[in-house]
Amino acid sequence: MTASQPVQKPIPIAGVHHTARPTWKLAETVHFYRDLLGLPLVHAISARGWGPEDHADFLHFFFDSGNGSTIAFFYYIGTTPPDFVEVRDDYRYRASHTAWRVTSREDLLAARAKIEAAGIEVKYQIRHEVIESIYFDDPNGYSLEITWQVRPFGQVDLDDAARTMEAAIALEDAGATTPFTKIDQVWSGKAGTLAEEFEKAGELEGVA
């Protein structure tokens, strides 16, 4: 008994190469990632503006974050930060973040100790479902996470994810007539789907 899953083959990706964000704090960003976190500075692109005529000249530089991944920044020369990058004490602002993986809880705690020893505030440590994470900010106010996944995803996770998203999308589609405002609506939709699946499974057993 499983929820519907996509049938197409995934695109042939091999993991994350880099995430990228703008910075107007060049020296502080390099010091934070290279000197405090210890991520090697591995590449820097220096270029005239690309595309539109008003595109500023820039630096695009990369720090090694392990297993072939990097975290990168754009420094737009001679520009000032636009309003949309202003740091906000808002959970919707913090939703955009980079999460790095460690392979054990011991490594997670070691990472926390190193970060705090470097004078960086760990905002909180929390375990939610299958991951435990620490969170902290870089000099730009960007949220960073280091996470340990306590167990691999299994079929139960795939099935639950499919039911969850199907219920939520149905609620989003019906938003014009029934406002989608609470997570309880998703749980109710999933319960209905499960009840239908159990009923169908019972009917099949009866036939067998």
C-alpha atoms as a PDB file:
ATOM      1  CA  MET A   1       0.000   0.000   0.000  1.00  0.00           C
ATOM      2  CA  THR A   2       1.821   3.138  -1.231  1.00  0.00           C
ATOM      3  CA  ALA A   3       0.886   6.644  -2.209  1.00  0.00           C
ATOM      4  CA  SER A   4       1.427   7.649  -5.808  1.00  0.00           C
ATOM      5  CA  GLN A   5       5.004   8.340  -6.854  1.00  0.00           C
ATOM      6  CA  PRO A   6       6.416   9.991 -10.005  1.00  0.00           C
ATOM      7  CA  VAL A   7       7.267   7.529 -12.752  1.00  0.00           C
ATOM      8  CA  GLN A   8       9.761   9.605 -14.737  1.00  0.00           C
ATOM      9  CA  LYS A   9      13.497   9.092 -14.290  1.00  0.00           C
ATOM     10  CA  PRO A  10      15.251  11.801 -12.274  1.00  0.00           C
ATOM     11  CA  ILE A  11      17.538  14.266 -13.993  1.00  0.00           C
ATOM     12  CA  PRO A  12      21.140  12.964 -13.903  1.00  0.00           C
ATOM     13  CA  ILE A  13      22.514  15.113 -11.082  1.00  0.00           C
ATOM     14  CA  ALA A  14      25.241  13.997  -8.679  1.00  0.00           C
ATOM     15  CA  GLY A  15      24.572  16.256  -5.710  1.00  0.00           C
ATOM     16  CA  VAL A  16      24.901  19.962  -4.929  1.00  0.00           C
ATOM     17  CA  HIS A  17      27.812  21.796  -6.570  1.00  0.00           C
ATOM     18  CA  HIS A  18      27.239  25.158  -4.866  1.00  0.00           C
ATOM     19  CA  THR A  19      24.791  27.539  -3.323  1.00  0.00           C
ATOM     20  CA  ALA A  20      25.345  31.251  -3.950  1.00  0.00           C
ATOM     21  CA  ARG A  21      24.272  34.554  -2.423  1.00  0.00           C
ATOM     22  CA  PRO A  22      25.372  38.179  -2.715  1.00  0.00           C
ATOM     23  CA  THR A  23      27.570  39.859  -0.130  1.00  0.00           C
ATOM     24  CA  TRP A  24      28.528  43.462   0.492  1.00  0.00           C
ATOM     25  CA  LYS A  25      30.925  42.445   3.288  1.00  0.00           C
ATOM     26  CA  LEU A  26      33.866  41.066   1.338  1.00  0.00           C
ATOM     27  CA  ALA A  27      36.561  40.898   4.033  1.00  0.00           C
ATOM     28  CA  GLU A  28      34.158  39.717   6.745  1.00  0.00           C
ATOM     29  CA  THR A  29      32.757  36.959   4.522  1.00  0.00           C
ATOM     30  CA  VAL A  30      36.210  35.640   3.596  1.00  0.00           C
ATOM     31  CA  HIS A  31      37.343  35.784   7.227  1.00  0.00           C
ATOM     32  CA  PHE A  32      34.229  33.980   8.469  1.00  0.00           C
ATOM     33  CA  TYR A  33      34.231  31.095   6.006  1.00  0.00           C
ATOM     34  CA  ARG A  34      37.976  30.657   5.451  1.00  0.00           C
ATOM     35  CA  ASP A  35      39.494  31.625   8.779  1.00  0.00           C
ATOM     36  CA  LEU A  36      36.805  30.856  11.360  1.00  0.00           C
ATOM     37  CA  LEU A  37      35.000  27.873   9.782  1.00  0.00           C
ATOM     38  CA  GLY A  38      38.116  26.608   8.016  1.00  0.00           C
ATOM     39  CA  LEU A  39      36.585  26.204   4.560  1.00  0.00           C
ATOM     40  CA  PRO A  40      39.321  26.583   1.909  1.00  0.00           C
ATOM     41  CA  LEU A  41      38.901  29.392  -0.619  1.00  0.00           C
ATOM     42  CA  VAL A  42      39.185  27.359  -3.808  1.00  0.00           C
ATOM     43  CA  HIS A  43      38.145  29.574  -6.717  1.00  0.00           C
ATOM     44  CA  ALA A  44      37.451  33.197  -7.591  1.00  0.00           C
ATOM     45  CA  ILE A  45      35.984  34.590 -10.804  1.00  0.00           C
ATOM     46  CA  SER A  46      36.656  38.263 -11.540  1.00  0.00           C
ATOM     47  CA  ALA A  47      34.531  39.630 -14.353  1.00  0.00           C
ATOM     48  CA  ARG A  48      33.001  42.612 -16.027  1.00  0.00           C
ATOM     49  CA  GLY A  49      29.231  42.809 -15.809  1.00  0.00           C
ATOM     50  CA  TRP A  50      27.340  40.067 -17.607  1.00  0.00           C
ATOM     51  CA  GLY A  51      24.102  40.450 -19.513  1.00  0.00           C
ATOM     52  CA  PRO A  52      22.269  43.754 -18.901  1.00  0.00           C
ATOM     53  CA  GLU A  53      24.155  47.016 -19.475  1.00  0.00           C
ATOM     54  CA  ASP A  54      23.633  48.042 -15.843  1.00  0.00           C
ATOM     55  CA  HIS A  55      25.146  44.803 -14.485  1.00  0.00           C
ATOM     56  CA  ALA A  56      28.034  45.681 -12.168  1.00  0.00           C
ATOM     57  CA  ASP A  57      31.511  44.186 -12.416  1.00  0.00           C
ATOM     58  CA  PHE A  58      31.856  41.484  -9.803  1.00  0.00           C
ATOM     59  CA  LEU A  59      33.796  38.840  -7.936  1.00  0.00           C
ATOM     60  CA  HIS A  60      32.291  35.351  -7.636  1.00  0.00           C
ATOM     61  CA  PHE A  61      34.220  33.291  -5.095  1.00  0.00           C
ATOM     62  CA  PHE A  62      33.884  29.766  -3.755  1.00  0.00           C
ATOM     63  CA  PHE A  63      34.686  27.943  -0.502  1.00  0.00           C
ATOM     64  CA  ASP A  64      35.055  24.165  -0.349  1.00  0.00           C
ATOM     65  CA  SER A  65      32.264  22.698   1.811  1.00  0.00           C
ATOM     66  CA  GLY A  66      33.146  19.014   1.373  1.00  0.00           C
ATOM     67  CA  ASN A  67      32.367  16.116  -0.952  1.00  0.00           C
ATOM     68  CA  GLY A  68      32.722  18.230  -4.075  1.00  0.00           C
ATOM     69  CA  SER A  69      30.318  20.949  -2.888  1.00  0.00           C
ATOM     70  CA  THR A  70      31.062  24.634  -2.457  1.00  0.00           C
ATOM     71  CA  ILE A  71      29.382  27.697  -1.006  1.00  0.00           C
ATOM     72  CA  ALA A  72      29.782  30.777  -3.167  1.00  0.00           C
ATOM     73  CA  PHE A  73      29.243  34.523  -3.028  1.00  0.00           C
ATOM     74  CA  PHE A  74      28.874  37.402  -5.455  1.00  0.00           C
ATOM     75  CA  TYR A  75      30.473  40.733  -4.604  1.00  0.00           C
ATOM     76  CA  TYR A  76      29.061  43.394  -6.950  1.00  0.00           C
ATOM     77  CA  ILE A  77      31.690  46.123  -7.177  1.00  0.00           C
ATOM     78  CA  GLY A  78      30.531  49.669  -6.495  1.00  0.00           C
ATOM     79  CA  THR A  79      26.949  48.730  -5.615  1.00  0.00           C
ATOM     80  CA  THR A  80      24.867  49.027  -2.456  1.00  0.00           C
ATOM     81  CA  PRO A  81      22.606  46.332  -0.976  1.00  0.00           C
ATOM     82  CA  PRO A  82      19.009  46.354  -2.244  1.00  0.00           C
ATOM     83  CA  ASP A  83      16.139  46.294   0.219  1.00  0.00           C
ATOM     84  CA  PHE A  84      15.346  42.625  -0.393  1.00  0.00           C
ATOM     85  CA  VAL A  85      18.621  41.458   1.218  1.00  0.00           C
ATOM     86  CA  GLU A  86      18.087  43.462   4.407  1.00  0.00           C
ATOM     87  CA  VAL A  87      18.310  41.111   7.394  1.00  0.00           C
ATOM     88  CA  ARG A  88      14.916  40.518   8.962  1.00  0.00           C
ATOM     89  CA  ASP A  89      13.936  38.815  12.207  1.00  0.00           C
ATOM     90  CA  ASP A  90      11.332  36.824  10.310  1.00  0.00           C
ATOM     91  CA  TYR A  91      11.012  33.054   9.938  1.00  0.00           C
ATOM     92  CA  ARG A  92      10.224  33.536   6.242  1.00  0.00           C
ATOM     93  CA  TYR A  93      13.565  35.304   5.749  1.00  0.00           C
ATOM     94  CA  ARG A  94      15.415  32.524   7.590  1.00  0.00           C
ATOM     95  CA  ALA A  95      13.785  29.882   5.387  1.00  0.00           C
ATOM     96  CA  SER A  96      16.505  30.578   2.808  1.00  0.00           C
ATOM     97  CA  HIS A  97      19.544  28.873   4.260  1.00  0.00           C
ATOM     98  CA  THR A  98      22.399  26.480   3.592  1.00  0.00           C
ATOM     99  CA  ALA A  99      22.536  23.168   5.487  1.00  0.00           C
ATOM    100  CA  TRP A 100      25.717  21.112   5.670  1.00  0.00           C
ATOM    101  CA  ARG A 101      25.692  17.451   6.594  1.00  0.00           C
ATOM    102  CA  VAL A 102      27.784  15.590   9.162  1.00  0.00           C
ATOM    103  CA  THR A 103      27.745  11.812   9.499  1.00  0.00           C
ATOM    104  CA  SER A 104      27.400  11.386  13.274  1.00  0.00           C
ATOM    105  CA  ARG A 105      26.114  13.138  16.353  1.00  0.00           C
ATOM    106  CA  GLU A 106      29.680  13.277  17.625  1.00  0.00           C
ATOM    107  CA  ASP A 107      30.644  15.281  14.540  1.00  0.00           C
ATOM    108  CA  LEU A 108      27.650  17.560  15.079  1.00  0.00           C
ATOM    109  CA  LEU A 109      28.728  18.295  18.638  1.00  0.00           C
ATOM    110  CA  ALA A 110      32.341  18.743  17.510  1.00  0.00           C
ATOM    111  CA  ALA A 111      31.180  21.247  14.899  1.00  0.00           C
ATOM    112  CA  ARG A 112      29.226  23.139  17.539  1.00  0.00           C
ATOM    113  CA  ALA A 113      32.260  23.251  19.818  1.00  0.00           C
ATOM    114  CA  LYS A 114      34.495  24.570  17.023  1.00  0.00           C
ATOM    115  CA  ILE A 115      31.962  27.198  15.998  1.00  0.00           C
ATOM    116  CA  GLU A 116      31.487  28.456  19.550  1.00  0.00           C
ATOM    117  CA  ALA A 117      35.247  28.445  20.151  1.00  0.00           C
ATOM    118  CA  ALA A 118      35.573  30.757  17.139  1.00  0.00           C
ATOM    119  CA  GLY A 119      33.234  33.214  18.862  1.00  0.00           C
ATOM    120  CA  ILE A 120      30.241  32.448  16.643  1.00  0.00           C
ATOM    121  CA  GLU A 121      26.873  32.260  18.397  1.00  0.00           C
ATOM    122  CA  VAL A 122      24.945  29.028  17.921  1.00  0.00           C
ATOM    123  CA  LYS A 123      21.357  30.236  17.928  1.00  0.00           C
ATOM    124  CA  TYR A 124      19.840  26.870  18.772  1.00  0.00           C
ATOM    125  CA  GLN A 125      20.193  23.111  18.477  1.00  0.00           C
ATOM    126  CA  ILE A 126      17.082  21.111  17.716  1.00  0.00           C
ATOM    127  CA  ARG A 127      16.052  17.635  16.653  1.00  0.00           C
ATOM    128  CA  HIS A 128      13.106  17.499  14.263  1.00  0.00           C
ATOM    129  CA  GLU A 129      11.913  14.154  12.967  1.00  0.00           C
ATOM    130  CA  VAL A 130      14.902  12.465  11.279  1.00  0.00           C
ATOM    131  CA  ILE A 131      17.531  15.208  11.651  1.00  0.00           C
ATOM    132  CA  GLU A 132      19.284  17.041  14.470  1.00  0.00           C
ATOM    133  CA  SER A 133      20.760  20.426  13.641  1.00  0.00           C
ATOM    134  CA  ILE A 134      22.574  23.468  14.921  1.00  0.00           C
ATOM    135  CA  TYR A 135      21.889  26.915  13.463  1.00  0.00           C
ATOM    136  CA  PHE A 136      24.004  30.055  13.266  1.00  0.00           C
ATOM    137  CA  ASP A 137      24.371  33.148  11.066  1.00  0.00           C
ATOM    138  CA  ASP A 138      27.160  34.406   8.857  1.00  0.00           C
ATOM    139  CA  PRO A 139      28.262  38.083   8.781  1.00  0.00           C
ATOM    140  CA  ASN A 140      25.653  38.844   6.142  1.00  0.00           C
ATOM    141  CA  GLY A 141      22.825  37.554   8.330  1.00  0.00           C
ATOM    142  CA  TYR A 142      22.410  34.422   6.196  1.00  0.00           C
ATOM    143  CA  SER A 143      21.292  31.382   8.154  1.00  0.00           C
ATOM    144  CA  LEU A 144      23.565  28.335   8.217  1.00  0.00           C
ATOM    145  CA  GLU A 145      22.729  24.859   9.469  1.00  0.00           C
ATOM    146  CA  ILE A 146      24.814  21.808  10.252  1.00  0.00           C
ATOM    147  CA  THR A 147      22.722  18.670  10.408  1.00  0.00           C
ATOM    148  CA  TRP A 148      23.010  15.002  11.293  1.00  0.00           C
ATOM    149  CA  GLN A 149      20.463  12.639   9.785  1.00  0.00           C
ATOM    150  CA  VAL A 150      19.704  10.044  12.434  1.00  0.00           C
ATOM    151  CA  ARG A 151      18.490   7.401   9.984  1.00  0.00           C
ATOM    152  CA  PRO A 152      18.173   7.047   6.212  1.00  0.00           C
ATOM    153  CA  PHE A 153      14.891   7.763   4.476  1.00  0.00           C
ATOM    154  CA  GLY A 154      12.816   4.641   3.928  1.00  0.00           C
ATOM    155  CA  GLN A 155       9.689   3.688   2.040  1.00  0.00           C
ATOM    156  CA  VAL A 156       7.501   4.932   4.882  1.00  0.00           C
ATOM    157  CA  ASP A 157       9.045   8.399   4.426  1.00  0.00           C
ATOM    158  CA  LEU A 158       8.450   8.365   0.658  1.00  0.00           C
ATOM    159  CA  ASP A 159       4.847   7.309   1.102  1.00  0.00           C
ATOM    160  CA  ASP A 160       4.186   9.864   3.827  1.00  0.00           C
ATOM    161  CA  ALA A 161       5.790  12.648   1.787  1.00  0.00           C
ATOM    162  CA  ALA A 162       3.585  11.805  -1.207  1.00  0.00           C
ATOM    163  CA  ARG A 163       0.406  11.801   0.904  1.00  0.00           C
ATOM    164  CA  THR A 164       1.405  15.029   2.615  1.00  0.00           C
ATOM    165  CA  MET A 165       2.061  16.930  -0.592  1.00  0.00           C
ATOM    166  CA  GLU A 166      -1.009  15.537  -2.352  1.00  0.00           C
ATOM    167  CA  ALA A 167      -3.210  16.687   0.539  1.00  0.00           C
ATOM    168  CA  ALA A 168      -1.552  20.120   0.685  1.00  0.00           C
ATOM    169  CA  ILE A 169      -1.750  20.689  -3.083  1.00  0.00           C
ATOM    170  CA  ALA A 170      -5.431  19.752  -3.059  1.00  0.00           C
ATOM    171  CA  LEU A 171      -6.007  22.315  -0.314  1.00  0.00           C
ATOM    172  CA  GLU A 172      -4.041  24.947  -2.213  1.00  0.00           C
ATOM    173  CA  ASP A 173      -6.115  24.261  -5.343  1.00  0.00           C
ATOM    174  CA  ALA A 174      -9.340  24.606  -3.334  1.00  0.00           C
ATOM    175  CA  GLY A 175      -8.187  27.823  -1.671  1.00  0.00           C
ATOM    176  CA  ALA A 176     -10.700  29.994  -3.478  1.00  0.00           C
ATOM    177  CA  THR A 177     -13.606  28.167  -1.848  1.00  0.00           C
ATOM    178  CA  THR A 178     -11.992  26.706   1.298  1.00  0.00           C
ATOM    179  CA  PRO A 179      -9.120  28.782   2.715  1.00  0.00           C
ATOM    180  CA  PHE A 180      -5.967  26.777   3.491  1.00  0.00           C
ATOM    181  CA  THR A 181      -4.889  28.148   6.887  1.00  0.00           C
ATOM    182  CA  LYS A 182      -3.952  25.279   9.232  1.00  0.00           C
ATOM    183  CA  ILE A 183      -1.786  22.153   9.187  1.00  0.00           C
ATOM    184  CA  ASP A 184      -4.741  20.254  10.653  1.00  0.00           C
ATOM    185  CA  GLN A 185      -6.331  20.438   7.204  1.00  0.00           C
ATOM    186  CA  VAL A 186      -3.384  18.542   5.739  1.00  0.00           C
ATOM    187  CA  TRP A 187      -3.573  15.895   8.454  1.00  0.00           C
ATOM    188  CA  SER A 188      -7.282  15.492   7.843  1.00  0.00           C
ATOM    189  CA  GLY A 189      -6.701  15.073   4.114  1.00  0.00           C
ATOM    190  CA  LYS A 190      -4.001  12.472   4.717  1.00  0.00           C
ATOM    191  CA  ALA A 191      -6.297  10.598   7.100  1.00  0.00           C
ATOM    192  CA  GLY A 192      -8.932  10.457   4.406  1.00  0.00           C
ATOM    193  CA  THR A 193      -6.424   9.102   1.895  1.00  0.00           C
ATOM    194  CA  LEU A 194      -5.227   6.449   4.332  1.00  0.00           C
ATOM    195  CA  ALA A 195      -8.788   5.391   5.110  1.00  0.00           C
ATOM    196  CA  GLU A 196      -9.431   4.926   1.388  1.00  0.00           C
ATOM    197  CA  GLU A 197      -6.220   2.928   0.987  1.00  0.00           C
ATOM    198  CA  PHE A 198      -7.063   0.649   3.912  1.00  0.00           C
ATOM    199  CA  GLU A 199     -10.578   0.125   2.587  1.00  0.00           C
ATOM    200  CA  LYS A 200      -9.240  -0.756  -0.843  1.00  0.00           C
ATOM    201  CA  ALA A 201      -6.651  -3.101   0.656  1.00  0.00           C
ATOM    202  CA  GLY A 202      -9.405  -4.837   2.638  1.00  0.00           C
ATOM    203  CA  GLU A 203     -11.485  -5.268  -0.508  1.00  0.00           C
ATOM    204  CA  LEU A 204      -8.523  -6.798  -2.329  1.00  0.00           C
ATOM    205  CA  GLU A 205      -7.893  -9.213   0.535  1.00  0.00           C
ATOM    206  CA  GLY A 206     -11.531 -10.214   0.433  1.00  0.00           C
ATOM    207  CA  VAL A 207     -11.255 -10.969  -3.288  1.00  0.00           C
ATOM    208  CA  ALA A 208      -8.104 -12.991  -2.749  1.00  0.00           C
END
